């Protein structure tokens, strides 16, 4: 698999019909997404609809269709927004810890896991958005693209620290750790037989000890 460098330019979300530019339009779009996230948590993926969203928001269907073509476009926008917020936290974590090398990155994995979980919990319908990204085939590309983007960013930090490992092999291993980290975020909201603090602690140990150095 060829490894592409992460494009740092902000990409327009294809789920949007029109990208709002004025503050009022941005606020309207974000309010519709917040309400959609809340409804997703209340009624689930199958029952959520554009009619439910516009009724709760107190706007006409035309106001929603100005930005989104259907409910799947709304769900895609929700997924992209959550992924972007989580990814921003990971990029900041890399920037903060890269100077300390592998030791610092490994020592602070739990901080990243907790930060990511906090972002999910604050997002309207956050855990349901994560579930939708896995359950709805039309949304799978959002999750995969996001995970590849953060893997690319991690590669640029880890590769100089692991010069004996090929970039292709390192990308593959980092990509798998990313998938594991996001699975932990979902597990926190589903597994009640393990205390949250223990999930964070055990997951951090496993990720910190991941065998990235094998050639």
N, C-alpha and C. Protein backbone atom coordinates (compact mmCIF):
# COMPACT_ATOMS: atom_id res chain seq x y z
N UNK A 1 0.85 -1.20 0.00
CA UNK A 1 0.00 0.00 0.00
C UNK A 1 0.87 1.24 0.00
N UNK A 2 0.73 2.09 -0.99
CA UNK A 2 1.52 3.33 -1.00
C UNK A 2 1.09 4.25 0.11
N UNK A 3 2.04 4.93 0.67
CA UNK A 3 1.76 5.84 1.77
C UNK A 3 1.75 7.27 1.25
N UNK A 4 0.63 7.93 1.40
CA UNK A 4 0.52 9.32 0.94
C UNK A 4 0.69 10.25 2.12
N UNK A 5 1.33 11.37 1.87
CA UNK A 5 1.48 12.36 2.92
C UNK A 5 0.14 13.02 3.18
N UNK A 6 -0.09 13.36 4.44
CA UNK A 6 -1.36 13.97 4.81
C UNK A 6 -1.48 15.36 4.20
N UNK A 7 -2.60 15.60 3.52
CA UNK A 7 -2.87 16.92 2.96
C UNK A 7 -3.40 17.80 4.07
N UNK A 8 -2.64 18.83 4.45
CA UNK A 8 -3.01 19.67 5.58
C UNK A 8 -4.09 20.68 5.22
N UNK A 9 -4.42 20.80 3.94
CA UNK A 9 -5.46 21.73 3.56
C UNK A 9 -6.82 21.20 3.99
N UNK A 10 -7.68 22.07 4.46
CA UNK A 10 -9.00 21.68 4.92
C UNK A 10 -9.82 21.23 3.72
N UNK A 11 -10.41 20.05 3.81
CA UNK A 11 -11.19 19.51 2.72
C UNK A 11 -12.67 19.78 2.96
N UNK A 12 -13.38 20.15 1.90
CA UNK A 12 -14.82 20.37 2.01
C UNK A 12 -15.51 19.03 2.16
N UNK A 13 -16.47 18.96 3.06
CA UNK A 13 -17.21 17.73 3.28
C UNK A 13 -18.20 17.51 2.15
N UNK A 14 -18.09 16.42 1.39
CA UNK A 14 -18.99 16.19 0.28
C UNK A 14 -20.44 16.00 0.69
N UNK A 15 -20.69 15.76 2.00
CA UNK A 15 -22.06 15.58 2.46
C UNK A 15 -22.85 16.88 2.36
N UNK A 16 -22.17 18.01 2.26
CA UNK A 16 -22.85 19.30 2.20
C UNK A 16 -23.17 19.67 0.75
N UNK A 17 -24.42 20.06 0.51
CA UNK A 17 -24.78 20.58 -0.80
C UNK A 17 -24.19 21.97 -1.00
N UNK A 18 -24.31 22.79 0.05
CA UNK A 18 -23.79 24.15 0.03
C UNK A 18 -22.93 24.34 1.26
N UNK A 19 -21.74 24.85 1.08
CA UNK A 19 -20.89 25.13 2.23
C UNK A 19 -21.21 26.52 2.76
N UNK A 20 -21.78 26.61 3.96
CA UNK A 20 -22.20 27.92 4.47
C UNK A 20 -21.00 28.83 4.72
N UNK A 21 -21.17 30.10 4.35
CA UNK A 21 -20.08 31.07 4.51
C UNK A 21 -20.41 32.14 5.54
N UNK A 22 -21.66 32.57 5.58
CA UNK A 22 -22.05 33.58 6.54
C UNK A 22 -22.25 32.96 7.92
N UNK A 23 -22.00 33.74 8.96
CA UNK A 23 -22.09 33.23 10.33
C UNK A 23 -23.47 32.63 10.61
N UNK A 24 -24.51 33.30 10.16
CA UNK A 24 -25.86 32.82 10.42
C UNK A 24 -26.09 31.46 9.76
N UNK A 25 -25.60 31.30 8.55
CA UNK A 25 -25.77 30.03 7.84
C UNK A 25 -24.98 28.92 8.53
N UNK A 26 -23.78 29.25 8.99
CA UNK A 26 -22.97 28.26 9.71
C UNK A 26 -23.68 27.83 10.99
N UNK A 27 -24.24 28.79 11.71
CA UNK A 27 -24.96 28.49 12.94
C UNK A 27 -26.17 27.61 12.67
N UNK A 28 -26.88 27.89 11.57
CA UNK A 28 -28.04 27.08 11.21
C UNK A 28 -27.63 25.65 10.90
N UNK A 29 -26.59 25.50 10.08
CA UNK A 29 -26.09 24.17 9.74
C UNK A 29 -25.66 23.40 10.99
N UNK A 30 -24.90 24.06 11.88
CA UNK A 30 -24.41 23.40 13.08
C UNK A 30 -25.55 23.04 14.02
N UNK A 31 -26.57 23.90 14.09
CA UNK A 31 -27.73 23.60 14.94
C UNK A 31 -28.48 22.39 14.41
N UNK A 32 -28.63 22.30 13.10
CA UNK A 32 -29.28 21.14 12.51
C UNK A 32 -28.49 19.86 12.81
N UNK A 33 -27.16 19.95 12.77
CA UNK A 33 -26.34 18.79 13.08
C UNK A 33 -26.44 18.41 14.56
N UNK A 34 -26.45 19.42 15.44
CA UNK A 34 -26.59 19.13 16.87
C UNK A 34 -27.92 18.42 17.15
N UNK A 35 -28.98 18.92 16.54
CA UNK A 35 -30.30 18.32 16.74
C UNK A 35 -30.34 16.91 16.15
N UNK A 36 -29.74 16.75 14.99
CA UNK A 36 -29.70 15.43 14.37
C UNK A 36 -28.94 14.44 15.26
N UNK A 37 -27.84 14.89 15.86
CA UNK A 37 -27.08 14.02 16.76
C UNK A 37 -27.91 13.61 17.97
N UNK A 38 -28.63 14.56 18.55
CA UNK A 38 -29.49 14.26 19.69
C UNK A 38 -30.57 13.25 19.31
N UNK A 39 -31.20 13.45 18.15
CA UNK A 39 -32.24 12.53 17.70
C UNK A 39 -31.68 11.15 17.39
N UNK A 40 -30.48 11.12 16.84
CA UNK A 40 -29.85 9.83 16.54
C UNK A 40 -29.71 9.01 17.82
N UNK A 41 -29.33 9.68 18.91
CA UNK A 41 -29.23 8.98 20.19
C UNK A 41 -30.57 8.56 20.75
N UNK A 42 -31.63 9.26 20.40
CA UNK A 42 -32.97 8.97 20.92
C UNK A 42 -33.69 7.88 20.13
N UNK A 43 -33.62 7.95 18.80
CA UNK A 43 -34.45 7.05 17.98
C UNK A 43 -33.64 6.03 17.20
N UNK A 44 -32.33 6.21 17.08
CA UNK A 44 -31.51 5.25 16.36
C UNK A 44 -31.36 5.55 14.88
N UNK A 45 -30.52 4.76 14.24
CA UNK A 45 -30.15 4.99 12.85
C UNK A 45 -31.33 4.79 11.90
N UNK A 46 -32.11 3.75 12.13
CA UNK A 46 -33.20 3.43 11.19
C UNK A 46 -34.32 4.45 11.25
N UNK A 47 -34.66 4.94 12.42
CA UNK A 47 -35.84 5.79 12.57
C UNK A 47 -35.58 7.28 12.36
N UNK A 48 -34.33 7.70 12.44
CA UNK A 48 -34.08 9.12 12.25
C UNK A 48 -34.42 9.51 10.81
N UNK A 49 -34.98 10.69 10.64
CA UNK A 49 -35.38 11.15 9.31
C UNK A 49 -35.20 12.66 9.22
N UNK A 50 -35.21 13.16 7.99
CA UNK A 50 -35.10 14.60 7.81
C UNK A 50 -36.33 15.30 8.38
N UNK A 51 -37.49 14.65 8.31
CA UNK A 51 -38.71 15.25 8.88
C UNK A 51 -38.60 15.41 10.39
N UNK A 52 -38.06 14.39 11.05
CA UNK A 52 -37.88 14.48 12.50
C UNK A 52 -36.91 15.61 12.85
N UNK A 53 -35.85 15.73 12.08
CA UNK A 53 -34.84 16.76 12.36
C UNK A 53 -35.43 18.15 12.20
N UNK A 54 -36.11 18.38 11.08
CA UNK A 54 -36.66 19.72 10.84
C UNK A 54 -37.79 20.04 11.81
N UNK A 55 -38.58 19.03 12.20
CA UNK A 55 -39.65 19.27 13.17
C UNK A 55 -39.06 19.67 14.51
N UNK A 56 -38.04 18.98 14.97
CA UNK A 56 -37.39 19.31 16.25
C UNK A 56 -36.73 20.69 16.17
N UNK A 57 -36.16 21.00 15.01
CA UNK A 57 -35.45 22.28 14.85
C UNK A 57 -36.41 23.45 14.64
N UNK A 58 -37.67 23.15 14.26
CA UNK A 58 -38.63 24.21 14.01
C UNK A 58 -38.36 24.97 12.73
N UNK A 59 -37.84 24.26 11.71
CA UNK A 59 -37.56 24.88 10.42
C UNK A 59 -38.26 24.08 9.33
N UNK A 60 -38.33 24.65 8.14
CA UNK A 60 -38.94 23.95 7.02
C UNK A 60 -37.97 22.92 6.45
N UNK A 61 -38.49 21.88 5.79
CA UNK A 61 -37.59 20.91 5.15
C UNK A 61 -36.62 21.58 4.17
N UNK A 62 -37.06 22.68 3.54
CA UNK A 62 -36.19 23.36 2.58
C UNK A 62 -34.93 23.89 3.24
N UNK A 63 -35.04 24.29 4.52
CA UNK A 63 -33.87 24.79 5.24
C UNK A 63 -32.82 23.71 5.39
N UNK A 64 -33.26 22.48 5.62
CA UNK A 64 -32.32 21.36 5.75
C UNK A 64 -31.78 20.95 4.39
N UNK A 65 -32.67 20.87 3.39
CA UNK A 65 -32.24 20.41 2.06
C UNK A 65 -31.31 21.41 1.38
N UNK A 66 -31.25 22.60 1.91
CA UNK A 66 -30.27 23.57 1.38
C UNK A 66 -28.86 23.05 1.60
N UNK A 67 -28.65 22.31 2.68
CA UNK A 67 -27.32 21.83 3.04
C UNK A 67 -27.13 20.32 2.82
N UNK A 68 -28.21 19.54 3.00
CA UNK A 68 -28.08 18.09 2.96
C UNK A 68 -29.14 17.50 2.03
N UNK A 69 -28.73 16.54 1.20
CA UNK A 69 -29.66 15.98 0.23
C UNK A 69 -30.60 14.93 0.84
N UNK A 70 -30.17 14.27 1.93
CA UNK A 70 -31.01 13.27 2.58
C UNK A 70 -30.44 12.98 3.97
N UNK A 71 -31.05 12.03 4.68
CA UNK A 71 -30.61 11.75 6.05
C UNK A 71 -29.20 11.16 6.08
N UNK A 72 -28.82 10.46 5.03
CA UNK A 72 -27.48 9.88 5.01
C UNK A 72 -26.42 10.97 4.86
N UNK A 73 -26.76 12.03 4.16
CA UNK A 73 -25.84 13.17 4.06
C UNK A 73 -25.70 13.84 5.41
N UNK A 74 -26.80 13.89 6.18
CA UNK A 74 -26.73 14.44 7.54
C UNK A 74 -25.82 13.57 8.41
N UNK A 75 -26.02 12.26 8.32
CA UNK A 75 -25.20 11.34 9.11
C UNK A 75 -23.73 11.42 8.70
N UNK A 76 -23.47 11.60 7.42
CA UNK A 76 -22.09 11.73 6.96
C UNK A 76 -21.46 13.00 7.54
N UNK A 77 -22.21 14.09 7.52
CA UNK A 77 -21.69 15.35 8.07
C UNK A 77 -21.43 15.22 9.57
N UNK A 78 -22.31 14.51 10.27
CA UNK A 78 -22.09 14.27 11.70
C UNK A 78 -20.81 13.47 11.91
N UNK A 79 -20.62 12.44 11.09
CA UNK A 79 -19.42 11.62 11.21
C UNK A 79 -18.16 12.40 10.92
N UNK A 80 -18.19 13.22 9.88
CA UNK A 80 -17.01 14.01 9.54
C UNK A 80 -16.68 15.02 10.64
N UNK A 81 -17.72 15.63 11.19
CA UNK A 81 -17.48 16.62 12.24
C UNK A 81 -16.85 15.97 13.47
N UNK A 82 -17.37 14.82 13.87
CA UNK A 82 -16.80 14.13 15.03
C UNK A 82 -15.38 13.67 14.75
N UNK A 83 -15.15 13.09 13.58
CA UNK A 83 -13.81 12.62 13.23
C UNK A 83 -12.81 13.79 13.20
N UNK A 84 -13.23 14.92 12.65
CA UNK A 84 -12.33 16.08 12.59
C UNK A 84 -11.96 16.56 13.99
N UNK A 85 -12.91 16.56 14.91
CA UNK A 85 -12.63 17.00 16.28
C UNK A 85 -11.72 16.01 16.99
N UNK A 86 -11.94 14.73 16.79
CA UNK A 86 -11.06 13.73 17.40
C UNK A 86 -9.67 13.80 16.77
N UNK A 87 -9.61 13.95 15.47
CA UNK A 87 -8.32 14.00 14.79
C UNK A 87 -7.51 15.21 15.22
N UNK A 88 -8.18 16.34 15.43
CA UNK A 88 -7.48 17.54 15.88
C UNK A 88 -6.80 17.28 17.23
N UNK A 89 -7.48 16.53 18.09
CA UNK A 89 -6.88 16.19 19.39
C UNK A 89 -5.66 15.30 19.21
N UNK A 90 -5.73 14.35 18.28
CA UNK A 90 -4.59 13.47 18.04
C UNK A 90 -3.41 14.26 17.45
N UNK A 91 -3.68 15.17 16.52
CA UNK A 91 -2.60 15.97 15.94
C UNK A 91 -1.92 16.81 17.03
N UNK A 92 -2.73 17.38 17.93
CA UNK A 92 -2.17 18.18 19.02
C UNK A 92 -1.34 17.31 19.96
N UNK A 93 -1.82 16.09 20.20
CA UNK A 93 -1.09 15.14 21.06
C UNK A 93 0.26 14.78 20.44
N UNK A 94 0.28 14.54 19.15
CA UNK A 94 1.54 14.25 18.46
C UNK A 94 2.51 15.42 18.59
N UNK A 95 2.00 16.62 18.37
CA UNK A 95 2.84 17.81 18.41
C UNK A 95 3.43 18.01 19.81
N UNK A 96 2.62 17.74 20.83
CA UNK A 96 3.06 17.94 22.21
C UNK A 96 4.12 16.93 22.63
N UNK A 97 4.00 15.69 22.15
CA UNK A 97 4.84 14.61 22.68
C UNK A 97 5.98 14.16 21.76
N UNK A 98 6.01 14.61 20.52
CA UNK A 98 6.99 14.07 19.59
C UNK A 98 8.42 14.39 20.00
N UNK A 99 8.64 15.53 20.65
CA UNK A 99 10.01 15.89 21.05
C UNK A 99 10.57 14.92 22.07
N UNK A 100 9.69 14.28 22.83
CA UNK A 100 10.13 13.33 23.85
C UNK A 100 10.39 11.94 23.31
N UNK A 101 10.17 11.75 22.02
CA UNK A 101 10.46 10.46 21.40
C UNK A 101 9.46 9.38 21.76
N UNK A 102 9.85 8.14 21.51
CA UNK A 102 8.96 7.00 21.73
C UNK A 102 8.53 6.88 23.19
N UNK A 103 9.42 7.25 24.10
CA UNK A 103 9.10 7.14 25.53
C UNK A 103 7.93 8.05 25.88
N UNK A 104 7.99 9.30 25.45
CA UNK A 104 6.92 10.25 25.76
C UNK A 104 5.62 9.86 25.08
N UNK A 105 5.70 9.42 23.84
CA UNK A 105 4.50 9.01 23.11
C UNK A 105 3.84 7.83 23.81
N UNK A 106 4.65 6.86 24.23
CA UNK A 106 4.08 5.71 24.93
C UNK A 106 3.52 6.06 26.29
N UNK A 107 4.21 6.95 27.00
CA UNK A 107 3.77 7.31 28.35
C UNK A 107 2.45 8.08 28.35
N UNK A 108 2.12 8.73 27.25
CA UNK A 108 0.94 9.59 27.23
C UNK A 108 -0.20 9.06 26.37
N UNK A 109 -0.18 7.77 26.06
CA UNK A 109 -1.27 7.17 25.28
C UNK A 109 -2.59 7.28 26.02
N UNK A 110 -2.57 7.07 27.33
CA UNK A 110 -3.82 7.12 28.09
C UNK A 110 -4.45 8.51 28.02
N UNK A 111 -3.62 9.54 28.01
CA UNK A 111 -4.13 10.90 27.87
C UNK A 111 -4.90 11.05 26.57
N UNK A 112 -4.36 10.51 25.48
CA UNK A 112 -5.02 10.59 24.18
C UNK A 112 -6.34 9.83 24.20
N UNK A 113 -6.35 8.63 24.78
CA UNK A 113 -7.57 7.85 24.85
C UNK A 113 -8.66 8.58 25.64
N UNK A 114 -8.28 9.18 26.74
CA UNK A 114 -9.26 9.90 27.56
C UNK A 114 -9.76 11.16 26.84
N UNK A 115 -8.86 11.85 26.17
CA UNK A 115 -9.27 13.05 25.43
C UNK A 115 -10.25 12.70 24.32
N UNK A 116 -9.95 11.64 23.60
CA UNK A 116 -10.84 11.19 22.52
C UNK A 116 -12.20 10.81 23.06
N UNK A 117 -12.22 10.11 24.19
CA UNK A 117 -13.49 9.72 24.80
C UNK A 117 -14.28 10.93 25.26
N UNK A 118 -13.60 11.93 25.78
CA UNK A 118 -14.27 13.16 26.22
C UNK A 118 -14.93 13.87 25.02
N UNK A 119 -14.24 13.89 23.91
CA UNK A 119 -14.79 14.53 22.71
C UNK A 119 -16.05 13.79 22.26
N UNK A 120 -16.01 12.48 22.27
CA UNK A 120 -17.18 11.68 21.90
C UNK A 120 -18.34 11.94 22.83
N UNK A 121 -18.07 11.98 24.13
CA UNK A 121 -19.14 12.16 25.11
C UNK A 121 -19.77 13.54 25.01
N UNK A 122 -19.00 14.55 24.59
CA UNK A 122 -19.53 15.91 24.47
C UNK A 122 -20.30 16.13 23.16
N UNK A 123 -20.05 15.29 22.19
CA UNK A 123 -20.71 15.44 20.89
C UNK A 123 -22.16 14.97 20.99
N UNK A 124 -23.13 15.75 20.53
CA UNK A 124 -24.51 15.29 20.54
C UNK A 124 -24.65 13.96 19.78
N UNK A 125 -25.10 12.92 20.48
CA UNK A 125 -25.23 11.61 19.85
C UNK A 125 -23.91 10.96 19.51
N UNK A 126 -22.84 11.34 20.19
CA UNK A 126 -21.49 10.91 19.82
C UNK A 126 -21.32 9.41 19.63
N UNK A 127 -21.73 8.62 20.61
CA UNK A 127 -21.53 7.17 20.49
C UNK A 127 -22.37 6.60 19.36
N UNK A 128 -23.55 7.18 19.13
CA UNK A 128 -24.39 6.71 18.03
C UNK A 128 -23.80 7.08 16.68
N UNK A 129 -23.09 8.18 16.63
CA UNK A 129 -22.40 8.54 15.39
C UNK A 129 -21.32 7.50 15.09
N UNK A 130 -20.57 7.11 16.11
CA UNK A 130 -19.55 6.06 15.92
C UNK A 130 -20.18 4.78 15.42
N UNK A 131 -21.33 4.41 15.99
CA UNK A 131 -22.01 3.19 15.57
C UNK A 131 -22.49 3.30 14.13
N UNK A 132 -23.00 4.48 13.77
CA UNK A 132 -23.48 4.67 12.40
C UNK A 132 -22.34 4.53 11.40
N UNK A 133 -21.16 5.03 11.74
CA UNK A 133 -20.02 4.95 10.84
C UNK A 133 -19.60 3.51 10.56
N UNK A 134 -19.94 2.62 11.48
CA UNK A 134 -19.63 1.20 11.27
C UNK A 134 -20.81 0.44 10.66
N UNK A 135 -22.03 0.82 11.04
CA UNK A 135 -23.21 0.04 10.67
C UNK A 135 -23.76 0.38 9.28
N UNK A 136 -23.57 1.61 8.84
CA UNK A 136 -24.17 2.05 7.57
C UNK A 136 -23.12 2.00 6.46
N UNK A 137 -23.32 1.14 5.45
CA UNK A 137 -22.31 1.01 4.39
C UNK A 137 -21.98 2.33 3.71
N UNK A 138 -22.99 3.20 3.55
CA UNK A 138 -22.75 4.48 2.87
C UNK A 138 -21.81 5.40 3.64
N UNK A 139 -21.56 5.08 4.91
CA UNK A 139 -20.73 5.95 5.75
C UNK A 139 -19.34 5.39 6.03
N UNK A 140 -19.09 4.16 5.61
CA UNK A 140 -17.82 3.52 5.95
C UNK A 140 -16.62 4.33 5.48
N UNK A 141 -16.74 4.99 4.33
CA UNK A 141 -15.60 5.73 3.78
C UNK A 141 -15.20 6.89 4.69
N UNK A 142 -16.15 7.44 5.44
CA UNK A 142 -15.82 8.55 6.35
C UNK A 142 -14.86 8.07 7.43
N UNK A 143 -15.18 6.93 8.02
CA UNK A 143 -14.33 6.37 9.07
C UNK A 143 -12.97 5.96 8.52
N UNK A 144 -12.96 5.27 7.38
CA UNK A 144 -11.71 4.78 6.81
C UNK A 144 -10.80 5.95 6.40
N UNK A 145 -11.36 6.94 5.72
CA UNK A 145 -10.56 8.10 5.32
C UNK A 145 -9.97 8.82 6.52
N UNK A 146 -10.77 8.96 7.57
CA UNK A 146 -10.29 9.64 8.78
C UNK A 146 -9.16 8.86 9.42
N UNK A 147 -9.33 7.55 9.54
CA UNK A 147 -8.31 6.73 10.18
C UNK A 147 -7.01 6.71 9.36
N UNK A 148 -7.15 6.75 8.05
CA UNK A 148 -5.94 6.82 7.22
C UNK A 148 -5.24 8.16 7.38
N UNK A 149 -6.03 9.21 7.53
CA UNK A 149 -5.43 10.54 7.70
C UNK A 149 -4.59 10.61 8.97
N UNK A 150 -5.12 10.10 10.08
CA UNK A 150 -4.34 10.17 11.32
C UNK A 150 -3.16 9.20 11.27
N UNK A 151 -3.31 8.09 10.55
CA UNK A 151 -2.18 7.17 10.39
C UNK A 151 -1.05 7.86 9.63
N UNK A 152 -1.40 8.61 8.58
CA UNK A 152 -0.39 9.36 7.83
C UNK A 152 0.34 10.33 8.74
N UNK A 153 -0.42 11.02 9.60
CA UNK A 153 0.19 11.99 10.51
C UNK A 153 1.11 11.31 11.52
N UNK A 154 0.67 10.16 12.04
CA UNK A 154 1.49 9.42 12.98
C UNK A 154 2.77 8.91 12.32
N UNK A 155 2.65 8.48 11.08
CA UNK A 155 3.83 7.97 10.37
C UNK A 155 4.94 9.02 10.31
N UNK A 156 4.58 10.28 10.05
CA UNK A 156 5.59 11.33 9.93
C UNK A 156 6.31 11.57 11.25
N UNK A 157 5.65 11.26 12.37
CA UNK A 157 6.28 11.43 13.69
C UNK A 157 7.08 10.19 14.07
N UNK A 158 6.52 9.01 13.82
CA UNK A 158 7.16 7.78 14.28
C UNK A 158 8.30 7.32 13.36
N UNK A 159 8.20 7.59 12.05
CA UNK A 159 9.21 7.08 11.12
C UNK A 159 10.63 7.51 11.48
N UNK A 160 10.89 8.79 11.80
CA UNK A 160 12.27 9.17 12.17
C UNK A 160 12.75 8.50 13.45
N UNK A 161 11.81 8.09 14.29
CA UNK A 161 12.17 7.45 15.56
C UNK A 161 12.42 5.95 15.40
N UNK A 162 11.97 5.41 14.26
CA UNK A 162 12.12 3.97 14.00
C UNK A 162 12.73 3.79 12.61
N UNK A 163 13.97 4.25 12.40
CA UNK A 163 14.57 4.25 11.07
C UNK A 163 14.79 2.86 10.46
N UNK A 164 14.80 1.82 11.28
CA UNK A 164 15.04 0.47 10.76
C UNK A 164 13.76 -0.18 10.22
N UNK A 165 12.64 0.42 10.46
CA UNK A 165 11.37 -0.14 10.00
C UNK A 165 10.95 0.56 8.71
N UNK A 166 10.57 -0.21 7.71
CA UNK A 166 10.15 0.38 6.45
C UNK A 166 8.89 1.20 6.68
N UNK A 167 8.72 2.26 5.91
CA UNK A 167 7.54 3.12 6.05
C UNK A 167 6.26 2.33 5.76
N UNK A 168 6.33 1.42 4.82
CA UNK A 168 5.15 0.62 4.49
C UNK A 168 4.73 -0.24 5.68
N UNK A 169 5.70 -0.92 6.31
CA UNK A 169 5.38 -1.76 7.46
C UNK A 169 4.92 -0.93 8.64
N UNK A 170 5.58 0.21 8.85
CA UNK A 170 5.22 1.06 9.98
C UNK A 170 3.82 1.64 9.79
N UNK A 171 3.49 2.05 8.57
CA UNK A 171 2.14 2.57 8.31
C UNK A 171 1.09 1.51 8.64
N UNK A 172 1.37 0.29 8.21
CA UNK A 172 0.43 -0.81 8.45
C UNK A 172 0.21 -1.02 9.94
N UNK A 173 1.28 -1.02 10.70
CA UNK A 173 1.16 -1.26 12.14
C UNK A 173 0.48 -0.10 12.86
N UNK A 174 0.81 1.12 12.45
CA UNK A 174 0.17 2.29 13.05
C UNK A 174 -1.32 2.32 12.71
N UNK A 175 -1.63 1.94 11.48
CA UNK A 175 -3.04 1.91 11.07
C UNK A 175 -3.84 0.96 11.96
N UNK A 176 -3.25 -0.15 12.33
CA UNK A 176 -3.93 -1.11 13.20
C UNK A 176 -4.09 -0.58 14.62
N UNK A 177 -3.10 0.18 15.10
CA UNK A 177 -3.24 0.77 16.43
C UNK A 177 -4.33 1.83 16.44
N UNK A 178 -4.46 2.56 15.35
CA UNK A 178 -5.54 3.56 15.24
C UNK A 178 -6.90 2.88 15.33
N UNK A 179 -7.05 1.78 14.62
CA UNK A 179 -8.33 1.06 14.64
C UNK A 179 -8.63 0.56 16.04
N UNK A 180 -7.61 0.08 16.72
CA UNK A 180 -7.79 -0.40 18.09
C UNK A 180 -8.20 0.74 19.02
N UNK A 181 -7.56 1.88 18.87
CA UNK A 181 -7.89 3.02 19.73
C UNK A 181 -9.32 3.47 19.58
N UNK A 182 -9.81 3.51 18.35
CA UNK A 182 -11.20 3.92 18.14
C UNK A 182 -12.18 2.84 18.63
N UNK A 183 -11.79 1.58 18.54
CA UNK A 183 -12.64 0.51 19.08
C UNK A 183 -12.79 0.65 20.59
N UNK A 184 -11.73 1.09 21.24
CA UNK A 184 -11.80 1.32 22.68
C UNK A 184 -12.80 2.43 23.00
N UNK A 185 -12.84 3.46 22.18
CA UNK A 185 -13.80 4.55 22.39
C UNK A 185 -15.23 4.01 22.35
N UNK A 186 -15.51 3.09 21.43
CA UNK A 186 -16.83 2.48 21.36
C UNK A 186 -17.07 1.56 22.56
N UNK A 187 -16.08 0.80 22.94
CA UNK A 187 -16.20 -0.15 24.04
C UNK A 187 -16.58 0.53 25.34
N UNK A 188 -16.09 1.75 25.55
CA UNK A 188 -16.37 2.49 26.79
C UNK A 188 -17.86 2.69 26.99
N UNK A 189 -18.61 2.71 25.90
CA UNK A 189 -20.04 2.97 25.99
C UNK A 189 -20.88 1.70 25.89
N UNK A 190 -20.22 0.55 25.81
CA UNK A 190 -20.95 -0.70 25.62
C UNK A 190 -20.63 -1.76 26.67
N UNK A 191 -19.44 -1.78 27.21
CA UNK A 191 -19.02 -2.82 28.14
C UNK A 191 -19.08 -2.30 29.58
N UNK A 192 -20.06 -2.79 30.34
CA UNK A 192 -20.23 -2.31 31.71
C UNK A 192 -19.65 -3.28 32.74
N UNK A 193 -18.97 -4.31 32.28
CA UNK A 193 -18.36 -5.27 33.21
C UNK A 193 -16.91 -4.92 33.54
N UNK A 194 -16.39 -3.89 32.87
CA UNK A 194 -15.03 -3.41 33.15
C UNK A 194 -15.12 -1.92 33.46
N UNK A 195 -14.64 -1.49 34.61
CA UNK A 195 -14.67 -0.05 34.94
C UNK A 195 -13.93 0.77 33.88
N UNK A 196 -14.42 1.97 33.62
CA UNK A 196 -13.83 2.82 32.59
C UNK A 196 -12.34 3.06 32.82
N UNK A 197 -11.96 3.32 34.07
CA UNK A 197 -10.55 3.60 34.34
C UNK A 197 -9.67 2.40 33.99
N UNK A 198 -10.21 1.19 34.21
CA UNK A 198 -9.42 0.00 33.87
C UNK A 198 -9.31 -0.17 32.35
N UNK A 199 -10.37 0.18 31.63
CA UNK A 199 -10.30 0.10 30.16
C UNK A 199 -9.24 1.05 29.65
N UNK A 200 -9.25 2.28 30.16
CA UNK A 200 -8.24 3.25 29.74
C UNK A 200 -6.84 2.74 30.06
N UNK A 201 -6.65 2.25 31.28
CA UNK A 201 -5.32 1.84 31.72
C UNK A 201 -4.82 0.64 30.91
N UNK A 202 -5.65 -0.39 30.76
CA UNK A 202 -5.23 -1.59 30.05
C UNK A 202 -5.02 -1.30 28.56
N UNK A 203 -5.90 -0.50 27.97
CA UNK A 203 -5.74 -0.17 26.55
C UNK A 203 -4.45 0.62 26.32
N UNK A 204 -4.14 1.53 27.23
CA UNK A 204 -2.92 2.32 27.10
C UNK A 204 -1.68 1.43 27.18
N UNK A 205 -1.71 0.45 28.06
CA UNK A 205 -0.57 -0.47 28.18
C UNK A 205 -0.38 -1.25 26.88
N UNK A 206 -1.48 -1.75 26.32
CA UNK A 206 -1.39 -2.52 25.08
C UNK A 206 -0.90 -1.67 23.92
N UNK A 207 -1.40 -0.45 23.82
CA UNK A 207 -0.98 0.42 22.72
C UNK A 207 0.46 0.87 22.89
N UNK A 208 0.86 1.18 24.11
CA UNK A 208 2.22 1.64 24.37
C UNK A 208 3.24 0.54 24.09
N UNK A 209 2.81 -0.70 24.24
CA UNK A 209 3.74 -1.82 24.04
C UNK A 209 3.59 -2.46 22.66
N UNK A 210 2.84 -1.82 21.78
CA UNK A 210 2.65 -2.36 20.43
C UNK A 210 4.01 -2.55 19.77
N UNK A 211 4.18 -3.66 19.08
CA UNK A 211 5.49 -4.01 18.50
C UNK A 211 5.67 -3.32 17.14
N UNK A 212 6.06 -2.05 17.21
CA UNK A 212 6.27 -1.28 15.99
C UNK A 212 7.68 -1.47 15.43
N UNK A 213 8.57 -1.94 16.28
CA UNK A 213 9.99 -1.95 15.89
C UNK A 213 10.41 -3.20 15.13
N UNK A 214 9.61 -4.26 15.15
CA UNK A 214 10.00 -5.48 14.43
C UNK A 214 10.13 -5.18 12.95
N UNK A 215 11.16 -5.71 12.32
CA UNK A 215 11.34 -5.50 10.89
C UNK A 215 10.77 -6.66 10.10
